[in-house]
Amino acid sequence: MPGALKIVVVGADGQLGSDIAATCSDAGAEVLPLTIEHMDVADEGQVRRVLGGTRADVIINTAAMHHVERCEADPARAFAVNALGVRHVALAAAASGARLVHISTDYVFDGAKGAPYLEIDPPLPLNAYGNSKLAGEHFARTLAPRHFVLRVSGLYGRNPCLEKGGLNFVDLMLKLSRERPEVRVVDDEVLTPTSTAEVARQLLHMLRHGAADGLYHATAGGQCSWYEFAAEIFRLSRSPVRLNKAAPGEFPAKVSRPKYSVLENGHLQRQGLNVMAPWPQALAEYLREKHGIH
C-alpha cells in the first residue's frame, strides 16, 4: 500500500476501528479517524458534508449498531445505522471516487448449514441485527463501484467494545476467573473468534496487494464453541478456575442467534491473500500483547 494513501476510518473509536486506524497509520498511510462526535452515519446530509471534504482514497466503515438485543428492540434505529448509514457512506465514497471498505457479520447466516459458510452461500438472518447488516451489504455492493465488504466473526480487541459495556469475551473470562471459583459457558454455539488486530492486518494486506473488489469472509482459522474458547483462554493464562458447560437453557437467549456461524475465507484464499492466523495463535498473541501473558 503506498504510504501516500489517505484513509478515513469511520467508527475509529470502536474496538475494530481503532485497530484499523492504528495499523494503517503505522504502515505510513495518512489516516483521518472519525467518531460519532464527528459524524453520525444515519444523517445523510452530515455524511455527505464530512466525507465529501476529506478527499479520501479509502473510506473504511466500521460504524454499527451491533448490540443484538437493542437492535431487536429498536429495528428502526438498527436499519438507520446498519443499512441506511451504509447507503450514505457508500454514496459519498462513490461521489468522491474512493474505495469503500465496509465491515459486516457472520450473523447474516442462520447456522443451518452446519459447515463453514462461503461467500457464495445464501444468507438468511435470524434477527433484526443480521437483517440490517445484510441490507447494509447490499447498499455497499451496489452503490460503491470500488468496494470490499468484509464479514467478520466473534471480534475481540485491545480497545473497549463501546456498545457492549467495555469487556470483550476474553477480558470477561479473565475477570470472572479472578472473581469466582467456577465459570460456566455455553457449548452449543460454534464460531470463529477473531482478533481485531488480525482483521486490521488482513485489510492492510488486501490494500497493499490489490485485492479484487467484492465480498470477503475475513476470520481467524478454525472453529470452536464459546466453551472451547474459554477453555483455551484459561489454559493459556494458566488460570486455576473450574470451567464447566452451562446446562441447556441456563443462559436463555432473548434473541435468536445462529448456532453455527463459522466462515471460510474462500475469496481471500483463491487470490492467495489470506493471512489470518488460526484462532488459538491469535488468542495467544492477544494475551501476550494486552495482558503480558506468555
C-alpha atoms as a PDB file:
ATOM      1  CA  MET A   1       0.000   0.000   0.000  1.00  0.00           C
ATOM      2  CA  PRO A   2       1.544   3.322  -0.971  1.00  0.00           C
ATOM      3  CA  GLY A   3       2.205   5.439   2.075  1.00  0.00           C
ATOM      4  CA  ALA A   4       0.554   8.406   0.368  1.00  0.00           C
ATOM      5  CA  LEU A   5      -2.909   6.843   0.604  1.00  0.00           C
ATOM      6  CA  LYS A   6      -5.407   8.903   2.572  1.00  0.00           C
ATOM      7  CA  ILE A   7      -7.682   6.647   4.613  1.00  0.00           C
ATOM      8  CA  VAL A   8     -10.775   7.708   6.528  1.00  0.00           C
ATOM      9  CA  VAL A   9     -11.867   5.357   9.311  1.00  0.00           C
ATOM     10  CA  VAL A  10     -15.497   5.785  10.329  1.00  0.00           C
ATOM     11  CA  GLY A  11     -16.093   4.492  13.857  1.00  0.00           C
ATOM     12  CA  ALA A  12     -12.432   4.976  14.731  1.00  0.00           C
ATOM     13  CA  ASP A  13     -13.010   4.850  18.489  1.00  0.00           C
ATOM     14  CA  GLY A  14     -14.554   1.377  18.347  1.00  0.00           C
ATOM     15  CA  GLN A  15     -12.924  -1.958  19.028  1.00  0.00           C
ATOM     16  CA  LEU A  16     -12.169  -2.705  15.357  1.00  0.00           C
ATOM     17  CA  GLY A  17     -11.940   0.843  14.026  1.00  0.00           C
ATOM     18  CA  SER A  18      -9.225   1.807  16.480  1.00  0.00           C
ATOM     19  CA  ASP A  19      -7.029  -1.130  15.461  1.00  0.00           C
ATOM     20  CA  ILE A  20      -7.575  -0.453  11.754  1.00  0.00           C
ATOM     21  CA  ALA A  21      -6.679   3.217  12.198  1.00  0.00           C
ATOM     22  CA  ALA A  22      -3.509   2.365  14.139  1.00  0.00           C
ATOM     23  CA  THR A  23      -2.415  -0.387  11.726  1.00  0.00           C
ATOM     24  CA  CYS A  24      -2.862   1.786   8.621  1.00  0.00           C
ATOM     25  CA  SER A  25      -1.129   4.740  10.287  1.00  0.00           C
ATOM     26  CA  ASP A  26       1.823   2.557  11.312  1.00  0.00           C
ATOM     27  CA  ALA A  27       2.080   1.414   7.682  1.00  0.00           C
ATOM     28  CA  GLY A  28       2.554   5.006   6.521  1.00  0.00           C
ATOM     29  CA  ALA A  29      -0.936   5.945   5.393  1.00  0.00           C
ATOM     30  CA  GLU A  30      -2.475   9.306   6.205  1.00  0.00           C
ATOM     31  CA  VAL A  31      -5.364   8.344   8.487  1.00  0.00           C
ATOM     32  CA  LEU A  32      -8.320  10.527   9.396  1.00  0.00           C
ATOM     33  CA  PRO A  33     -10.206   8.941  12.331  1.00  0.00           C
ATOM     34  CA  LEU A  34     -13.895   9.842  12.593  1.00  0.00           C
ATOM     35  CA  THR A  35     -16.134   9.119  15.588  1.00  0.00           C
ATOM     36  CA  ILE A  36     -19.829   9.679  16.286  1.00  0.00           C
ATOM     37  CA  GLU A  37     -18.848  13.155  17.526  1.00  0.00           C
ATOM     38  CA  HIS A  38     -17.580  13.999  14.043  1.00  0.00           C
ATOM     39  CA  MET A  39     -20.321  12.312  12.024  1.00  0.00           C
ATOM     40  CA  ASP A  40     -23.489  10.283  12.543  1.00  0.00           C
ATOM     41  CA  VAL A  41     -23.757   7.820   9.638  1.00  0.00           C
ATOM     42  CA  ALA A  42     -27.553   7.908   9.976  1.00  0.00           C
ATOM     43  CA  ASP A  43     -27.534  11.600   8.973  1.00  0.00           C
ATOM     44  CA  GLU A  44     -27.228  11.655   5.173  1.00  0.00           C
ATOM     45  CA  GLY A  45     -26.500  15.361   4.897  1.00  0.00           C
ATOM     46  CA  GLN A  46     -23.833  15.201   7.573  1.00  0.00           C
ATOM     47  CA  VAL A  47     -22.168  12.200   5.920  1.00  0.00           C
ATOM     48  CA  ARG A  48     -22.131  13.959   2.554  1.00  0.00           C
ATOM     49  CA  ARG A  49     -20.599  17.121   4.027  1.00  0.00           C
ATOM     50  CA  VAL A  50     -17.969  15.436   6.187  1.00  0.00           C
ATOM     51  CA  LEU A  51     -16.809  12.729   3.790  1.00  0.00           C
ATOM     52  CA  GLY A  52     -17.073  14.970   0.767  1.00  0.00           C
ATOM     53  CA  GLY A  53     -14.443  17.249   2.255  1.00  0.00           C
ATOM     54  CA  THR A  54     -11.891  14.563   3.102  1.00  0.00           C
ATOM     55  CA  ARG A  55     -10.629  13.711  -0.404  1.00  0.00           C
ATOM     56  CA  ALA A  56     -10.039  10.187   0.839  1.00  0.00           C
ATOM     57  CA  ASP A  57      -8.620   7.358  -1.271  1.00  0.00           C
ATOM     58  CA  VAL A  58     -10.230   4.753   1.006  1.00  0.00           C
ATOM     59  CA  ILE A  59     -13.213   5.074   3.351  1.00  0.00           C
ATOM     60  CA  ILE A  60     -13.429   2.290   5.935  1.00  0.00           C
ATOM     61  CA  ASN A  61     -16.808   1.996   7.637  1.00  0.00           C
ATOM     62  CA  THR A  62     -16.737   0.194  10.976  1.00  0.00           C
ATOM     63  CA  ALA A  63     -19.626   2.184  12.492  1.00  0.00           C
ATOM     64  CA  ALA A  64     -22.502  -0.078  13.503  1.00  0.00           C
ATOM     65  CA  MET A  65     -25.241  -0.767  15.986  1.00  0.00           C
ATOM     66  CA  HIS A  66     -24.253  -4.298  16.966  1.00  0.00           C
ATOM     67  CA  HIS A  67     -25.904  -4.930  20.322  1.00  0.00           C
ATOM     68  CA  VAL A  68     -28.223  -7.726  19.182  1.00  0.00           C
ATOM     69  CA  GLU A  69     -30.909  -7.216  21.832  1.00  0.00           C
ATOM     70  CA  ARG A  70     -31.039  -3.460  21.277  1.00  0.00           C
ATOM     71  CA  CYS A  71     -31.350  -3.970  17.527  1.00  0.00           C
ATOM     72  CA  GLU A  72     -34.279  -6.326  18.093  1.00  0.00           C
ATOM     73  CA  ALA A  73     -35.958  -3.820  20.420  1.00  0.00           C
ATOM     74  CA  ASP A  74     -35.414  -0.890  18.045  1.00  0.00           C
ATOM     75  CA  PRO A  75     -35.182  -2.218  14.475  1.00  0.00           C
ATOM     76  CA  ALA A  76     -35.844   1.217  13.008  1.00  0.00           C
ATOM     77  CA  ARG A  77     -32.667   2.563  14.622  1.00  0.00           C
ATOM     78  CA  ALA A  78     -30.753  -0.606  13.656  1.00  0.00           C
ATOM     79  CA  PHE A  79     -31.673  -0.117   9.999  1.00  0.00           C
ATOM     80  CA  ALA A  80     -30.988   3.632  10.212  1.00  0.00           C
ATOM     81  CA  VAL A  81     -27.380   2.892  11.243  1.00  0.00           C
ATOM     82  CA  ASN A  82     -26.564  -0.526   9.774  1.00  0.00           C
ATOM     83  CA  ALA A  83     -28.383  -0.191   6.449  1.00  0.00           C
ATOM     84  CA  LEU A  84     -29.187   3.414   5.554  1.00  0.00           C
ATOM     85  CA  GLY A  85     -25.992   4.567   7.239  1.00  0.00           C
ATOM     86  CA  VAL A  86     -24.024   2.333   4.892  1.00  0.00           C
ATOM     87  CA  ARG A  87     -26.018   3.721   1.956  1.00  0.00           C
ATOM     88  CA  HIS A  88     -24.998   7.242   2.935  1.00  0.00           C
ATOM     89  CA  VAL A  89     -21.316   6.321   3.257  1.00  0.00           C
ATOM     90  CA  ALA A  90     -21.373   4.312   0.010  1.00  0.00           C
ATOM     91  CA  LEU A  91     -22.897   7.226  -1.913  1.00  0.00           C
ATOM     92  CA  ALA A  92     -20.243   9.567  -0.518  1.00  0.00           C
ATOM     93  CA  ALA A  93     -17.487   7.119  -1.492  1.00  0.00           C
ATOM     94  CA  ALA A  94     -18.893   6.782  -4.994  1.00  0.00           C
ATOM     95  CA  ALA A  95     -19.192  10.545  -5.424  1.00  0.00           C
ATOM     96  CA  SER A  96     -15.549  11.083  -4.464  1.00  0.00           C
ATOM     97  CA  GLY A  97     -14.132   8.043  -6.254  1.00  0.00           C
ATOM     98  CA  ALA A  98     -12.913   6.497  -3.002  1.00  0.00           C
ATOM     99  CA  ARG A  99     -12.790   2.776  -2.323  1.00  0.00           C
ATOM    100  CA  LEU A 100     -15.332   1.753   0.303  1.00  0.00           C
ATOM    101  CA  VAL A 101     -14.417  -0.894   2.879  1.00  0.00           C
ATOM    102  CA  HIS A 102     -17.446  -1.990   4.851  1.00  0.00           C
ATOM    103  CA  ILE A 103     -17.479  -4.390   7.808  1.00  0.00           C
ATOM    104  CA  SER A 104     -20.308  -6.927   8.050  1.00  0.00           C
ATOM    105  CA  THR A 105     -21.002 -10.005  10.167  1.00  0.00           C
ATOM    106  CA  ASP A 106     -21.385 -13.775  10.362  1.00  0.00           C
ATOM    107  CA  TYR A 107     -24.910 -13.147  11.674  1.00  0.00           C
ATOM    108  CA  VAL A 108     -26.195 -12.799   8.109  1.00  0.00           C
ATOM    109  CA  PHE A 109     -26.449 -16.630   8.198  1.00  0.00           C
ATOM    110  CA  ASP A 110     -28.948 -18.810  10.078  1.00  0.00           C
ATOM    111  CA  GLY A 111     -26.457 -21.535  11.055  1.00  0.00           C
ATOM    112  CA  ALA A 112     -28.413 -24.386   9.477  1.00  0.00           C
ATOM    113  CA  LYS A 113     -25.618 -25.366   7.070  1.00  0.00           C
ATOM    114  CA  GLY A 114     -23.502 -26.824   9.872  1.00  0.00           C
ATOM    115  CA  ALA A 115     -20.322 -26.374   7.811  1.00  0.00           C
ATOM    116  CA  PRO A 116     -18.174 -23.299   7.135  1.00  0.00           C
ATOM    117  CA  TYR A 117     -20.022 -20.688   5.111  1.00  0.00           C
ATOM    118  CA  LEU A 118     -18.545 -19.423   1.846  1.00  0.00           C
ATOM    119  CA  GLU A 119     -19.197 -16.049   0.267  1.00  0.00           C
ATOM    120  CA  ILE A 120     -21.458 -17.728  -2.308  1.00  0.00           C
ATOM    121  CA  ASP A 121     -23.773 -19.257   0.319  1.00  0.00           C
ATOM    122  CA  PRO A 122     -27.197 -17.580   0.502  1.00  0.00           C
ATOM    123  CA  PRO A 123     -27.638 -15.522   3.676  1.00  0.00           C
ATOM    124  CA  LEU A 124     -30.709 -15.881   5.872  1.00  0.00           C
ATOM    125  CA  PRO A 125     -30.507 -13.760   9.048  1.00  0.00           C
ATOM    126  CA  LEU A 126     -32.400 -14.761  12.194  1.00  0.00           C
ATOM    127  CA  ASN A 127     -32.745 -11.337  13.802  1.00  0.00           C
ATOM    128  CA  ALA A 128     -33.029  -7.599  13.195  1.00  0.00           C
ATOM    129  CA  TYR A 129     -29.289  -7.095  13.622  1.00  0.00           C
ATOM    130  CA  GLY A 130     -28.434  -9.653  10.930  1.00  0.00           C
ATOM    131  CA  ASN A 131     -31.092  -8.327   8.580  1.00  0.00           C
ATOM    132  CA  SER A 132     -29.928  -4.736   8.999  1.00  0.00           C
ATOM    133  CA  LYS A 133     -26.312  -5.736   8.352  1.00  0.00           C
ATOM    134  CA  LEU A 134     -27.300  -7.719   5.262  1.00  0.00           C
ATOM    135  CA  ALA A 135     -29.178  -4.696   3.927  1.00  0.00           C
ATOM    136  CA  GLY A 136     -26.042  -2.647   4.520  1.00  0.00           C
ATOM    137  CA  GLU A 137     -24.017  -5.132   2.490  1.00  0.00           C
ATOM    138  CA  HIS A 138     -26.372  -4.691  -0.453  1.00  0.00           C
ATOM    139  CA  PHE A 139     -26.084  -0.907  -0.312  1.00  0.00           C
ATOM    140  CA  ALA A 140     -22.280  -1.103  -0.167  1.00  0.00           C
ATOM    141  CA  ARG A 141     -22.009  -3.542  -3.063  1.00  0.00           C
ATOM    142  CA  THR A 142     -24.484  -1.815  -5.359  1.00  0.00           C
ATOM    143  CA  LEU A 143     -23.688   1.856  -4.720  1.00  0.00           C
ATOM    144  CA  ALA A 144     -19.885   1.920  -4.331  1.00  0.00           C
ATOM    145  CA  PRO A 145     -18.208   0.796  -7.589  1.00  0.00           C
ATOM    146  CA  ARG A 146     -14.944   0.126  -5.743  1.00  0.00           C
ATOM    147  CA  HIS A 147     -15.538  -1.827  -2.541  1.00  0.00           C
ATOM    148  CA  PHE A 148     -14.520  -4.528  -0.126  1.00  0.00           C
ATOM    149  CA  VAL A 149     -17.261  -5.933   2.110  1.00  0.00           C
ATOM    150  CA  LEU A 150     -15.678  -7.951   4.929  1.00  0.00           C
ATOM    151  CA  ARG A 151     -17.702 -10.323   7.092  1.00  0.00           C
ATOM    152  CA  VAL A 152     -16.120 -10.967  10.474  1.00  0.00           C
ATOM    153  CA  SER A 153     -16.985 -13.126  13.487  1.00  0.00           C
ATOM    154  CA  GLY A 154     -16.634 -13.092  17.283  1.00  0.00           C
ATOM    155  CA  LEU A 155     -14.460  -9.989  17.479  1.00  0.00           C
ATOM    156  CA  TYR A 156     -12.265  -9.148  20.443  1.00  0.00           C
ATOM    157  CA  GLY A 157      -9.604  -6.429  20.642  1.00  0.00           C
ATOM    158  CA  ARG A 158      -7.412  -4.256  22.809  1.00  0.00           C
ATOM    159  CA  ASN A 159      -9.840  -1.340  22.944  1.00  0.00           C
ATOM    160  CA  PRO A 160     -13.228  -1.496  24.671  1.00  0.00           C
ATOM    161  CA  CYS A 161     -16.314  -2.619  22.818  1.00  0.00           C
ATOM    162  CA  LEU A 162     -18.237   0.585  23.455  1.00  0.00           C
ATOM    163  CA  GLU A 163     -21.721  -0.771  22.853  1.00  0.00           C
ATOM    164  CA  LYS A 164     -21.290  -3.918  24.979  1.00  0.00           C
ATOM    165  CA  GLY A 165     -20.123  -2.487  28.281  1.00  0.00           C
ATOM    166  CA  GLY A 166     -16.415  -2.365  27.515  1.00  0.00           C
ATOM    167  CA  LEU A 167     -15.431  -6.006  28.102  1.00  0.00           C
ATOM    168  CA  ASN A 168     -14.914  -8.440  25.248  1.00  0.00           C
ATOM    169  CA  PHE A 169     -15.308 -12.180  25.848  1.00  0.00           C
ATOM    170  CA  VAL A 170     -11.595 -12.764  26.539  1.00  0.00           C
ATOM    171  CA  ASP A 171     -11.334  -9.984  29.102  1.00  0.00           C
ATOM    172  CA  LEU A 172     -14.639 -11.021  30.683  1.00  0.00           C
ATOM    173  CA  MET A 173     -13.396 -14.590  31.143  1.00  0.00           C
ATOM    174  CA  LEU A 174     -10.151 -13.356  32.711  1.00  0.00           C
ATOM    175  CA  LYS A 175     -12.121 -11.101  35.056  1.00  0.00           C
ATOM    176  CA  LEU A 176     -14.503 -13.893  36.082  1.00  0.00           C
ATOM    177  CA  SER A 177     -11.600 -16.289  36.635  1.00  0.00           C
ATOM    178  CA  ARG A 178     -10.197 -13.886  39.230  1.00  0.00           C
ATOM    179  CA  GLU A 179     -13.537 -13.379  40.974  1.00  0.00           C
ATOM    180  CA  ARG A 180     -15.090 -16.853  41.001  1.00  0.00           C
ATOM    181  CA  PRO A 181     -14.028 -20.435  41.672  1.00  0.00           C
ATOM    182  CA  GLU A 182     -16.150 -21.673  38.756  1.00  0.00           C
ATOM    183  CA  VAL A 183     -17.174 -20.298  35.351  1.00  0.00           C
ATOM    184  CA  ARG A 184     -19.961 -21.788  33.225  1.00  0.00           C
ATOM    185  CA  VAL A 185     -20.087 -21.196  29.469  1.00  0.00           C
ATOM    186  CA  VAL A 186     -22.425 -22.344  26.691  1.00  0.00           C
ATOM    187  CA  ASP A 187     -21.231 -25.110  24.404  1.00  0.00           C
ATOM    188  CA  ASP A 188     -23.975 -25.019  21.765  1.00  0.00           C
ATOM    189  CA  GLU A 189     -22.814 -22.052  19.646  1.00  0.00           C
ATOM    190  CA  VAL A 190     -19.884 -22.608  17.265  1.00  0.00           C
ATOM    191  CA  LEU A 191     -17.992 -19.735  15.661  1.00  0.00           C
ATOM    192  CA  THR A 192     -14.510 -18.453  14.893  1.00  0.00           C
ATOM    193  CA  PRO A 193     -13.342 -15.914  17.494  1.00  0.00           C
ATOM    194  CA  THR A 194     -11.286 -13.306  15.657  1.00  0.00           C
ATOM    195  CA  SER A 195      -8.849 -10.702  16.903  1.00  0.00           C
ATOM    196  CA  THR A 196      -9.409  -7.172  15.622  1.00  0.00           C
ATOM    197  CA  ALA A 197      -5.644  -6.870  15.144  1.00  0.00           C
ATOM    198  CA  GLU A 198      -5.831  -9.791  12.698  1.00  0.00           C
ATOM    199  CA  VAL A 199      -8.677  -8.176  10.752  1.00  0.00           C
ATOM    200  CA  ALA A 200      -6.710  -4.921  10.541  1.00  0.00           C
ATOM    201  CA  ARG A 201      -3.626  -6.734   9.250  1.00  0.00           C
ATOM    202  CA  GLN A 202      -5.710  -8.644   6.726  1.00  0.00           C
ATOM    203  CA  LEU A 203      -7.314  -5.475   5.417  1.00  0.00           C
ATOM    204  CA  LEU A 204      -3.942  -3.750   5.106  1.00  0.00           C
ATOM    205  CA  HIS A 205      -2.655  -6.761   3.160  1.00  0.00           C
ATOM    206  CA  MET A 206      -5.611  -6.503   0.773  1.00  0.00           C
ATOM    207  CA  LEU A 207      -4.999  -2.805   0.163  1.00  0.00           C
ATOM    208  CA  ARG A 208      -1.298  -3.368  -0.392  1.00  0.00           C
ATOM    209  CA  HIS A 209      -1.703  -6.258  -2.817  1.00  0.00           C
ATOM    210  CA  GLY A 210      -4.569  -5.075  -4.970  1.00  0.00           C
ATOM    211  CA  ALA A 211      -7.336  -7.422  -3.884  1.00  0.00           C
ATOM    212  CA  ALA A 212     -10.277  -7.593  -6.261  1.00  0.00           C
ATOM    213  CA  ASP A 213     -13.454  -5.727  -5.400  1.00  0.00           C
ATOM    214  CA  GLY A 214     -16.158  -7.816  -3.789  1.00  0.00           C
ATOM    215  CA  LEU A 215     -17.419  -9.712  -0.761  1.00  0.00           C
ATOM    216  CA  TYR A 216     -14.952 -11.380   1.608  1.00  0.00           C
ATOM    217  CA  HIS A 217     -15.005 -13.553   4.697  1.00  0.00           C
ATOM    218  CA  ALA A 218     -12.151 -12.473   6.963  1.00  0.00           C
ATOM    219  CA  THR A 219     -11.963 -14.537  10.134  1.00  0.00           C
ATOM    220  CA  ALA A 220      -9.292 -16.458  12.015  1.00  0.00           C
ATOM    221  CA  GLY A 221      -8.639 -20.054  11.026  1.00  0.00           C
ATOM    222  CA  GLY A 222     -10.537 -22.920  12.635  1.00  0.00           C
ATOM    223  CA  GLN A 223     -13.627 -23.027  14.812  1.00  0.00           C
ATOM    224  CA  CYS A 224     -14.720 -23.598  18.396  1.00  0.00           C
ATOM    225  CA  SER A 225     -17.638 -23.264  20.757  1.00  0.00           C
ATOM    226  CA  TRP A 226     -17.723 -20.479  23.330  1.00  0.00           C
ATOM    227  CA  TYR A 227     -16.894 -23.156  25.934  1.00  0.00           C
ATOM    228  CA  GLU A 228     -13.833 -24.294  23.955  1.00  0.00           C
ATOM    229  CA  PHE A 229     -12.764 -20.680  23.519  1.00  0.00           C
ATOM    230  CA  ALA A 230     -12.982 -20.130  27.276  1.00  0.00           C
ATOM    231  CA  ALA A 231     -11.020 -23.329  27.899  1.00  0.00           C
ATOM    232  CA  GLU A 232      -8.167 -22.078  25.719  1.00  0.00           C
ATOM    233  CA  ILE A 233      -8.205 -18.685  27.441  1.00  0.00           C
ATOM    234  CA  PHE A 234      -7.849 -20.353  30.827  1.00  0.00           C
ATOM    235  CA  ARG A 235      -5.209 -22.786  29.561  1.00  0.00           C
ATOM    236  CA  LEU A 236      -3.048 -20.035  28.102  1.00  0.00           C
ATOM    237  CA  SER A 237      -3.474 -17.821  31.175  1.00  0.00           C
ATOM    238  CA  ARG A 238      -2.820 -20.802  33.470  1.00  0.00           C
ATOM    239  CA  SER A 239      -5.929 -19.999  35.452  1.00  0.00           C
ATOM    240  CA  PRO A 240      -6.950 -22.487  38.164  1.00  0.00           C
ATOM    241  CA  VAL A 241     -10.651 -21.630  37.743  1.00  0.00           C
ATOM    242  CA  ARG A 242     -13.037 -24.537  37.149  1.00  0.00           C
ATOM    243  CA  LEU A 243     -14.735 -24.359  33.753  1.00  0.00           C
ATOM    244  CA  ASN A 244     -17.994 -26.227  33.199  1.00  0.00           C
ATOM    245  CA  LYS A 245     -20.500 -26.355  30.381  1.00  0.00           C
ATOM    246  CA  ALA A 246     -23.691 -24.438  31.004  1.00  0.00           C
ATOM    247  CA  ALA A 247     -26.821 -26.538  31.244  1.00  0.00           C
ATOM    248  CA  PRO A 248     -29.318 -26.308  28.370  1.00  0.00           C
ATOM    249  CA  GLY A 249     -31.373 -23.158  28.872  1.00  0.00           C
ATOM    250  CA  GLU A 250     -29.187 -21.893  31.723  1.00  0.00           C
ATOM    251  CA  PHE A 251     -28.466 -18.679  29.822  1.00  0.00           C
ATOM    252  CA  PRO A 252     -31.568 -18.287  27.661  1.00  0.00           C
ATOM    253  CA  ALA A 253     -31.092 -16.032  24.644  1.00  0.00           C
ATOM    254  CA  LYS A 254     -33.557 -13.188  24.301  1.00  0.00           C
ATOM    255  CA  VAL A 255     -32.996 -13.078  20.535  1.00  0.00           C
ATOM    256  CA  SER A 256     -32.457 -15.926  18.063  1.00  0.00           C
ATOM    257  CA  ARG A 257     -28.837 -16.395  17.038  1.00  0.00           C
ATOM    258  CA  PRO A 258     -27.183 -18.842  14.633  1.00  0.00           C
ATOM    259  CA  LYS A 259     -25.882 -21.932  16.426  1.00  0.00           C
ATOM    260  CA  TYR A 260     -23.168 -22.309  13.792  1.00  0.00           C
ATOM    261  CA  SER A 261     -21.646 -19.234  12.153  1.00  0.00           C
ATOM    262  CA  VAL A 262     -18.173 -20.309  11.031  1.00  0.00           C
ATOM    263  CA  LEU A 263     -16.958 -18.522   7.907  1.00  0.00           C
ATOM    264  CA  GLU A 264     -14.416 -19.802   5.378  1.00  0.00           C
ATOM    265  CA  ASN A 265     -12.133 -17.206   3.809  1.00  0.00           C
ATOM    266  CA  GLY A 266     -12.722 -18.586   0.324  1.00  0.00           C
ATOM    267  CA  HIS A 267     -12.327 -15.389  -1.699  1.00  0.00           C
ATOM    268  CA  LEU A 268      -9.092 -14.473   0.077  1.00  0.00           C
ATOM    269  CA  GLN A 269      -7.730 -17.997  -0.343  1.00  0.00           C
ATOM    270  CA  ARG A 270      -8.460 -18.073  -4.078  1.00  0.00           C
ATOM    271  CA  GLN A 271      -6.415 -14.884  -4.528  1.00  0.00           C
ATOM    272  CA  GLY A 272      -3.598 -16.113  -2.297  1.00  0.00           C
ATOM    273  CA  LEU A 273      -4.268 -13.212   0.078  1.00  0.00           C
ATOM    274  CA  ASN A 274      -5.433 -14.949   3.259  1.00  0.00           C
ATOM    275  CA  VAL A 275      -3.074 -14.035   6.122  1.00  0.00           C
ATOM    276  CA  MET A 276      -5.429 -14.760   9.033  1.00  0.00           C
ATOM    277  CA  ALA A 277      -3.809 -16.876  11.749  1.00  0.00           C
ATOM    278  CA  PRO A 278      -5.541 -19.841  13.442  1.00  0.00           C
ATOM    279  CA  TRP A 279      -7.677 -18.601  16.323  1.00  0.00           C
ATOM    280  CA  PRO A 280      -5.553 -20.166  19.131  1.00  0.00           C
ATOM    281  CA  GLN A 281      -2.430 -18.450  17.754  1.00  0.00           C
ATOM    282  CA  ALA A 282      -4.183 -15.085  17.506  1.00  0.00           C
ATOM    283  CA  LEU A 283      -5.547 -15.501  21.026  1.00  0.00           C
ATOM    284  CA  ALA A 284      -2.056 -16.218  22.388  1.00  0.00           C
ATOM    285  CA  GLU A 285      -0.761 -13.052  20.694  1.00  0.00           C
ATOM    286  CA  TYR A 286      -3.616 -11.002  22.165  1.00  0.00           C
ATOM    287  CA  LEU A 287      -2.982 -12.305  25.687  1.00  0.00           C
ATOM    288  CA  ARG A 288       0.730 -11.611  25.320  1.00  0.00           C
ATOM    289  CA  GLU A 289       0.338  -8.083  23.951  1.00  0.00           C
ATOM    290  CA  LYS A 290      -2.528  -6.816  26.104  1.00  0.00           C
ATOM    291  CA  HIS A 291      -2.144  -8.783  29.324  1.00  0.00           C
ATOM    292  CA  GLY A 292       1.535  -9.762  29.327  1.00  0.00           C
ATOM    293  CA  ILE A 293       0.662 -13.460  29.473  1.00  0.00           C
ATOM    294  CA  HIS A 294       3.394 -15.603  27.918  1.00  0.00           C
END
